[in-house]
PDB file of N, CA and C in Angstrom:
ATOM      1  N   MET A   1      89.109  78.407 117.772  1.00  0.00           N
ATOM      2  CA  MET A   1      88.101  78.982 118.653  1.00  0.00           C
ATOM      3  C   MET A   1      87.591  80.299 118.096  1.00  0.00           C
ATOM      4  N   LYS A   2      88.507  81.080 117.531  1.00  0.00           N
ATOM      5  CA  LYS A   2      88.128  82.372 116.971  1.00  0.00           C
ATOM      6  C   LYS A   2      87.173  82.200 115.798  1.00  0.00           C
ATOM      7  N   ASP A   3      87.417  81.185 114.956  1.00  0.00           N
ATOM      8  CA  ASP A   3      86.539  80.941 113.811  1.00  0.00           C
ATOM      9  C   ASP A   3      85.152  80.482 114.253  1.00  0.00           C
ATOM     10  N   ILE A   4      85.089  79.659 115.281  1.00  0.00           N
ATOM     11  CA  ILE A   4      83.801  79.180 115.783  1.00  0.00           C
ATOM     12  C   ILE A   4      83.001  80.337 116.355  1.00  0.00           C
ATOM     13  N   LEU A   5      83.646  81.183 117.118  1.00  0.00           N
ATOM     14  CA  LEU A   5      82.970  82.338 117.700  1.00  0.00           C
ATOM     15  C   LEU A   5      82.484  83.299 116.618  1.00  0.00           C
ATOM     16  N   LYS A   6      83.293  83.490 115.581  1.00  0.00           N
ATOM     17  CA  LYS A   6      82.889  84.364 114.475  1.00  0.00           C
ATOM     18  C   LYS A   6      81.672  83.796 113.752  1.00  0.00           C
ATOM     19  N   GLN A   7      81.629  82.482 113.536  1.00  0.00           N
ATOM     20  CA  GLN A   7      80.487  81.864 112.875  1.00  0.00           C
ATOM     21  C   GLN A   7      79.226  81.967 113.714  1.00  0.00           C
ATOM     22  N   LEU A   8      79.374  81.916 115.025  1.00  0.00           N
ATOM     23  CA  LEU A   8      78.212  82.041 115.906  1.00  0.00           C
ATOM     24  C   LEU A   8      77.643  83.457 115.932  1.00  0.00           C
ATOM     25  N   LEU A   9      78.514  84.451 115.765  1.00  0.00           N
ATOM     26  CA  LEU A   9      78.094  85.841 115.926  1.00  0.00           C
ATOM     27  C   LEU A   9      77.815  86.571 114.621  1.00  0.00           C
ATOM     28  N   THR A  10      78.018  85.923 113.470  1.00  0.00           N
ATOM     29  CA  THR A  10      77.762  86.575 112.189  1.00  0.00           C
ATOM     30  C   THR A  10      76.504  86.011 111.545  1.00  0.00           C
ATOM     31  N   GLY A  11      76.044  86.714 110.527  1.00  0.00           N
ATOM     32  CA  GLY A  11      74.837  86.308 109.807  1.00  0.00           C
ATOM     33  C   GLY A  11      75.121  85.212 108.796  1.00  0.00           C
ATOM     34  N   LYS A  12      74.246  85.133 107.780  1.00  0.00           N
ATOM     35  CA  LYS A  12      74.355  84.082 106.765  1.00  0.00           C
ATOM     36  C   LYS A  12      75.655  84.146 105.979  1.00  0.00           C
ATOM     37  N   ASP A  13      76.179  85.359 105.783  1.00  0.00           N
ATOM     38  CA  ASP A  13      77.380  85.515 104.969  1.00  0.00           C
ATOM     39  C   ASP A  13      78.671  85.238 105.741  1.00  0.00           C
ATOM     40  N   ASN A  14      78.595  85.012 107.028  1.00  0.00           N
ATOM     41  CA  ASN A  14      79.747  84.754 107.899  1.00  0.00           C
ATOM     42  C   ASN A  14      80.797  85.865 107.841  1.00  0.00           C
ATOM     43  N   ALA A  15      80.357  87.083 107.530  1.00  0.00           N
ATOM     44  CA  ALA A  15      81.274  88.217 107.503  1.00  0.00           C
ATOM     45  C   ALA A  15      80.709  89.397 108.288  1.00  0.00           C
ATOM     46  N   THR A  16      79.404  89.570 108.262  1.00  0.00           N
ATOM     47  CA  THR A  16      78.757  90.700 108.918  1.00  0.00           C
ATOM     48  C   THR A  16      78.313  90.290 110.321  1.00  0.00           C
ATOM     49  N   TYR A  17      78.818  91.003 111.327  1.00  0.00           N
ATOM     50  CA  TYR A  17      78.414  90.689 112.696  1.00  0.00           C
ATOM     51  C   TYR A  17      76.965  91.093 112.926  1.00  0.00           C
ATOM     52  N   ASP A  18      76.248  90.261 113.643  1.00  0.00           N
ATOM     53  CA  ASP A  18      74.828  90.457 113.898  1.00  0.00           C
ATOM     54  C   ASP A  18      74.651  90.956 115.327  1.00  0.00           C
ATOM     55  N   ILE A  19      74.092  92.160 115.475  1.00  0.00           N
ATOM     56  CA  ILE A  19      73.945  92.755 116.802  1.00  0.00           C
ATOM     57  C   ILE A  19      73.018  91.923 117.694  1.00  0.00           C
ATOM     58  N   GLY A  20      72.040  91.280 117.108  1.00  0.00           N
ATOM     59  CA  GLY A  20      71.142  90.428 117.887  1.00  0.00           C
ATOM     60  C   GLY A  20      71.861  89.244 118.507  1.00  0.00           C
ATOM     61  N   ARG A  21      72.728  88.626 117.740  1.00  0.00           N
ATOM     62  CA  ARG A  21      73.479  87.473 118.248  1.00  0.00           C
ATOM     63  C   ARG A  21      74.532  87.892 119.267  1.00  0.00           C
ATOM     64  N   VAL A  22      75.126  89.050 119.050  1.00  0.00           N
ATOM     65  CA  VAL A  22      76.134  89.545 119.997  1.00  0.00           C
ATOM     66  C   VAL A  22      75.477  89.862 121.342  1.00  0.00           C
ATOM     67  N   THR A  23      74.335  90.554 121.327  1.00  0.00           N
ATOM     68  CA  THR A  23      73.652  90.860 122.585  1.00  0.00           C
ATOM     69  C   THR A  23      73.099  89.610 123.243  1.00  0.00           C
ATOM     70  N   TRP A  24      72.711  88.625 122.445  1.00  0.00           N
ATOM     71  CA  TRP A  24      72.257  87.344 122.996  1.00  0.00           C
ATOM     72  C   TRP A  24      73.409  86.689 123.766  1.00  0.00           C
ATOM     73  N   LEU A  25      74.587  86.671 123.184  1.00  0.00           N
ATOM     74  CA  LEU A  25      75.756  86.106 123.856  1.00  0.00           C
ATOM     75  C   LEU A  25      76.092  86.883 125.123  1.00  0.00           C
ATOM     76  N   LEU A  26      76.076  88.207 125.038  1.00  0.00           N
ATOM     77  CA  LEU A  26      76.388  89.030 126.214  1.00  0.00           C
ATOM     78  C   LEU A  26      75.369  88.820 127.332  1.00  0.00           C
ATOM     79  N   GLY A  27      74.101  88.690 126.980  1.00  0.00           N
ATOM     80  CA  GLY A  27      73.070  88.438 127.985  1.00  0.00           C
ATOM     81  C   GLY A  27      73.261  87.097 128.676  1.00  0.00           C
ATOM     82  N   THR A  28      73.574  86.073 127.889  1.00  0.00           N
ATOM     83  CA  THR A  28      73.793  84.746 128.468  1.00  0.00           C
ATOM     84  C   THR A  28      75.020  84.736 129.368  1.00  0.00           C
ATOM     85  N   VAL A  29      76.091  85.361 128.925  1.00  0.00           N
ATOM     86  CA  VAL A  29      77.326  85.413 129.723  1.00  0.00           C
ATOM     87  C   VAL A  29      77.090  86.190 131.014  1.00  0.00           C
ATOM     88  N   SER A  30      76.328  87.279 130.941  1.00  0.00           N
ATOM     89  CA  SER A  30      76.092  88.064 132.157  1.00  0.00           C
ATOM     90  C   SER A  30      75.217  87.304 133.148  1.00  0.00           C
ATOM     91  N   VAL A  31      74.229  86.551 132.680  1.00  0.00           N
ATOM     92  CA  VAL A  31      73.403  85.755 133.596  1.00  0.00           C
ATOM     93  C   VAL A  31      74.259  84.682 134.274  1.00  0.00           C
ATOM     94  N   ILE A  32      75.109  84.016 133.505  1.00  0.00           N
ATOM     95  CA  ILE A  32      75.963  82.975 134.078  1.00  0.00           C
ATOM     96  C   ILE A  32      76.986  83.581 135.045  1.00  0.00           C
ATOM     97  N   THR A  33      77.519  84.754 134.715  1.00  0.00           N
ATOM     98  CA  THR A  33      78.464  85.426 135.607  1.00  0.00           C
ATOM     99  C   THR A  33      77.806  85.821 136.919  1.00  0.00           C
ATOM    100  N   LEU A  34      76.602  86.372 136.831  1.00  0.00           N
ATOM    101  CA  LEU A  34      75.886  86.736 138.057  1.00  0.00           C
ATOM    102  C   LEU A  34      75.515  85.503 138.879  1.00  0.00           C
ATOM    103  N   ALA A  35      75.227  84.386 138.214  1.00  0.00           N
ATOM    104  CA  ALA A  35      74.963  83.145 138.948  1.00  0.00           C
ATOM    105  C   ALA A  35      76.216  82.680 139.680  1.00  0.00           C
ATOM    106  N   GLY A  36      77.373  82.815 139.039  1.00  0.00           N
ATOM    107  CA  GLY A  36      78.633  82.469 139.704  1.00  0.00           C
ATOM    108  C   GLY A  36      78.891  83.335 140.911  1.00  0.00           C
ATOM    109  N   TYR A  37      78.566  84.614 140.797  1.00  0.00           N
ATOM    110  CA  TYR A  37      78.706  85.524 141.932  1.00  0.00           C
ATOM    111  C   TYR A  37      77.787  85.101 143.076  1.00  0.00           C
ATOM    112  N   GLU A  38      76.584  84.697 142.757  1.00  0.00           N
ATOM    113  CA  GLU A  38      75.654  84.238 143.786  1.00  0.00           C
ATOM    114  C   GLU A  38      76.136  82.944 144.445  1.00  0.00           C
ATOM    115  N   VAL A  39      76.796  82.076 143.686  1.00  0.00           N
ATOM    116  CA  VAL A  39      77.345  80.847 144.267  1.00  0.00           C
ATOM    117  C   VAL A  39      78.429  81.187 145.283  1.00  0.00           C
ATOM    118  N   VAL A  40      79.258  82.160 144.951  1.00  0.00           N
ATOM    119  CA  VAL A  40      80.323  82.568 145.877  1.00  0.00           C
ATOM    120  C   VAL A  40      79.725  83.114 147.173  1.00  0.00           C
ATOM    121  N   ARG A  41      78.623  83.825 147.058  1.00  0.00           N
ATOM    122  CA  ARG A  41      77.971  84.386 148.243  1.00  0.00           C
ATOM    123  C   ARG A  41      77.110  83.358 148.982  1.00  0.00           C
ATOM    124  N   ASP A  42      77.017  82.126 148.487  1.00  0.00           N
ATOM    125  CA  ASP A  42      76.200  81.059 149.086  1.00  0.00           C
ATOM    126  C   ASP A  42      74.725  81.430 149.149  1.00  0.00           C
ATOM    127  N   ASN A  43      74.248  82.109 148.134  1.00  0.00           N
ATOM    128  CA  ASN A  43      72.862  82.554 148.156  1.00  0.00           C
ATOM    129  C   ASN A  43      72.269  82.462 146.762  1.00  0.00           C
ATOM    130  N   ILE A  44      72.234  81.257 146.179  1.00  0.00           N
ATOM    131  CA  ILE A  44      71.738  81.109 144.807  1.00  0.00           C
ATOM    132  C   ILE A  44      70.349  80.483 144.828  1.00  0.00           C
ATOM    133  N   ASN A  45      69.505  81.002 143.974  1.00  0.00           N
ATOM    134  CA  ASN A  45      68.169  80.457 143.799  1.00  0.00           C
ATOM    135  C   ASN A  45      68.122  79.856 142.403  1.00  0.00           C
ATOM    136  N   LEU A  46      68.073  78.528 142.327  1.00  0.00           N
ATOM    137  CA  LEU A  46      68.134  77.853 141.040  1.00  0.00           C
ATOM    138  C   LEU A  46      66.915  78.152 140.168  1.00  0.00           C
ATOM    139  N   ARG A  47      65.775  78.387 140.778  1.00  0.00           N
ATOM    140  CA  ARG A  47      64.588  78.708 139.994  1.00  0.00           C
ATOM    141  C   ARG A  47      64.750  80.045 139.271  1.00  0.00           C
ATOM    142  N   GLU A  48      65.279  81.039 139.967  1.00  0.00           N
ATOM    143  CA  GLU A  48      65.503  82.337 139.335  1.00  0.00           C
ATOM    144  C   GLU A  48      66.562  82.243 138.241  1.00  0.00           C
ATOM    145  N   LEU A  49      67.589  81.431 138.452  1.00  0.00           N
ATOM    146  CA  LEU A  49      68.607  81.231 137.429  1.00  0.00           C
ATOM    147  C   LEU A  49      67.997  80.583 136.190  1.00  0.00           C
ATOM    148  N   ALA A  50      67.197  79.557 136.385  1.00  0.00           N
ATOM    149  CA  ALA A  50      66.553  78.882 135.256  1.00  0.00           C
ATOM    150  C   ALA A  50      65.613  79.826 134.514  1.00  0.00           C
ATOM    151  N   GLU A  51      64.870  80.642 135.248  1.00  0.00           N
ATOM    152  CA  GLU A  51      63.971  81.601 134.602  1.00  0.00           C
ATOM    153  C   GLU A  51      64.754  82.628 133.790  1.00  0.00           C
ATOM    154  N   ALA A  52      65.839  83.130 134.356  1.00  0.00           N
ATOM    155  CA  ALA A  52      66.646  84.130 133.649  1.00  0.00           C
ATOM    156  C   ALA A  52      67.266  83.540 132.386  1.00  0.00           C
ATOM    157  N   LEU A  53      67.809  82.336 132.479  1.00  0.00           N
ATOM    158  CA  LEU A  53      68.383  81.699 131.291  1.00  0.00           C
ATOM    159  C   LEU A  53      67.308  81.407 130.252  1.00  0.00           C
ATOM    160  N   GLY A  54      66.130  81.013 130.689  1.00  0.00           N
ATOM    161  CA  GLY A  54      65.029  80.763 129.761  1.00  0.00           C
ATOM    162  C   GLY A  54      64.581  82.024 129.051  1.00  0.00           C
ATOM    163  N   ILE A  55      64.498  83.116 129.778  1.00  0.00           N
ATOM    164  CA  ILE A  55      64.085  84.388 129.175  1.00  0.00           C
ATOM    165  C   ILE A  55      65.132  84.868 128.173  1.00  0.00           C
ATOM    166  N   VAL A  56      66.403  84.810 128.545  1.00  0.00           N
ATOM    167  CA  VAL A  56      67.460  85.252 127.632  1.00  0.00           C
ATOM    168  C   VAL A  56      67.499  84.359 126.387  1.00  0.00           C
ATOM    169  N   SER A  57      67.385  83.060 126.566  1.00  0.00           N
ATOM    170  CA  SER A  57      67.423  82.140 125.428  1.00  0.00           C
ATOM    171  C   SER A  57      66.223  82.327 124.513  1.00  0.00           C
ATOM    172  N   GLY A  58      65.057  82.458 125.094  1.00  0.00           N
ATOM    173  CA  GLY A  58      63.850  82.651 124.289  1.00  0.00           C
ATOM    174  C   GLY A  58      63.854  83.967 123.537  1.00  0.00           C
ATOM    175  N   ALA A  59      64.244  85.027 124.201  1.00  0.00           N
ATOM    176  CA  ALA A  59      64.273  86.346 123.558  1.00  0.00           C
ATOM    177  C   ALA A  59      65.345  86.399 122.470  1.00  0.00           C
ATOM    178  N   GLY A  60      66.492  85.806 122.722  1.00  0.00           N
ATOM    179  CA  GLY A  60      67.553  85.792 121.707  1.00  0.00           C
ATOM    180  C   GLY A  60      67.172  84.975 120.493  1.00  0.00           C
ATOM    181  N   GLY A  61      66.596  83.820 120.721  1.00  0.00           N
ATOM    182  CA  GLY A  61      66.151  82.987 119.603  1.00  0.00           C
ATOM    183  C   GLY A  61      65.055  83.651 118.794  1.00  0.00           C
ATOM    184  N   ALA A  62      64.127  84.307 119.480  1.00  0.00           N
ATOM    185  CA  ALA A  62      63.048  85.001 118.781  1.00  0.00           C
ATOM    186  C   ALA A  62      63.579  86.177 117.968  1.00  0.00           C
ATOM    187  N   SER A  63      64.536  86.905 118.508  1.00  0.00           N
ATOM    188  CA  SER A  63      65.067  88.062 117.774  1.00  0.00           C
ATOM    189  C   SER A  63      65.816  87.622 116.520  1.00  0.00           C
ATOM    190  N   VAL A  64      66.577  86.552 116.601  1.00  0.00           N
ATOM    191  CA  VAL A  64      67.298  86.057 115.430  1.00  0.00           C
ATOM    192  C   VAL A  64      66.311  85.508 114.395  1.00  0.00           C
ATOM    193  N   MET A  65      65.277  84.837 114.851  1.00  0.00           N
ATOM    194  CA  MET A  65      64.280  84.277 113.937  1.00  0.00           C
ATOM    195  C   MET A  65      63.487  85.374 113.229  1.00  0.00           C
ATOM    196  N   MET A  66      63.141  86.437 113.940  1.00  0.00           N
ATOM    197  CA  MET A  66      62.340  87.508 113.340  1.00  0.00           C
ATOM    198  C   MET A  66      63.094  88.257 112.252  1.00  0.00           C
ATOM    199  N   LYS A  67      64.397  88.373 112.367  1.00  0.00           N
ATOM    200  CA  LYS A  67      65.142  89.166 111.400  1.00  0.00           C
ATOM    201  C   LYS A  67      65.934  88.324 110.404  1.00  0.00           C
ATOM    202  N   LYS A  68      65.598  87.060 110.280  1.00  0.00           N
ATOM    203  CA  LYS A  68      66.343  86.175 109.395  1.00  0.00           C
ATOM    204  C   LYS A  68      66.265  86.598 107.926  1.00  0.00           C
ATOM    205  N   ASP A  69      65.183  87.242 107.517  1.00  0.00           N
ATOM    206  CA  ASP A  69      65.024  87.649 106.127  1.00  0.00           C
ATOM    207  C   ASP A  69      65.774  88.936 105.797  1.00  0.00           C
ATOM    208  N   THR A  70      66.240  89.656 106.802  1.00  0.00           N
ATOM    209  CA  THR A  70      66.925  90.934 106.554  1.00  0.00           C
ATOM    210  C   THR A  70      68.442  90.796 106.539  1.00  0.00           C
ATOM    211  N   GLU A  71      68.961  89.595 106.751  1.00  0.00           N
ATOM    212  CA  GLU A  71      70.404  89.405 106.779  1.00  0.00           C
ATOM    213  C   GLU A  71      70.981  89.451 105.363  1.00  0.00           C
ATOM    214  N   PRO A  72      72.210  89.972 105.220  1.00  0.00           N
ATOM    215  CA  PRO A  72      72.843  89.990 103.899  1.00  0.00           C
ATOM    216  C   PRO A  72      73.110  88.569 103.399  1.00  0.00           C
ATOM    217  N   GLN A  73      72.956  88.385 102.108  1.00  0.00           N
ATOM    218  CA  GLN A  73      73.143  87.038 101.526  1.00  0.00           C
ATOM    219  C   GLN A  73      74.572  86.683 101.419  1.00  0.00           C
TER     220      GLN A  73
END
């Protein structure tokens, strides 16, 4: 599990951690955590959850794509 997580969070060289990927993961985890909190309170809006996940996914993918040429080889 540790190796898989490291490969997801590092750049092309699989040694240097990528701040864009780390913040993308943190954003996704925080949206899912807040959705879980809303489920406990019995007050979840699925449309807002879908919009938040879409925004985080789109922004994270765009940030990784924009800086792909600056990663260490």
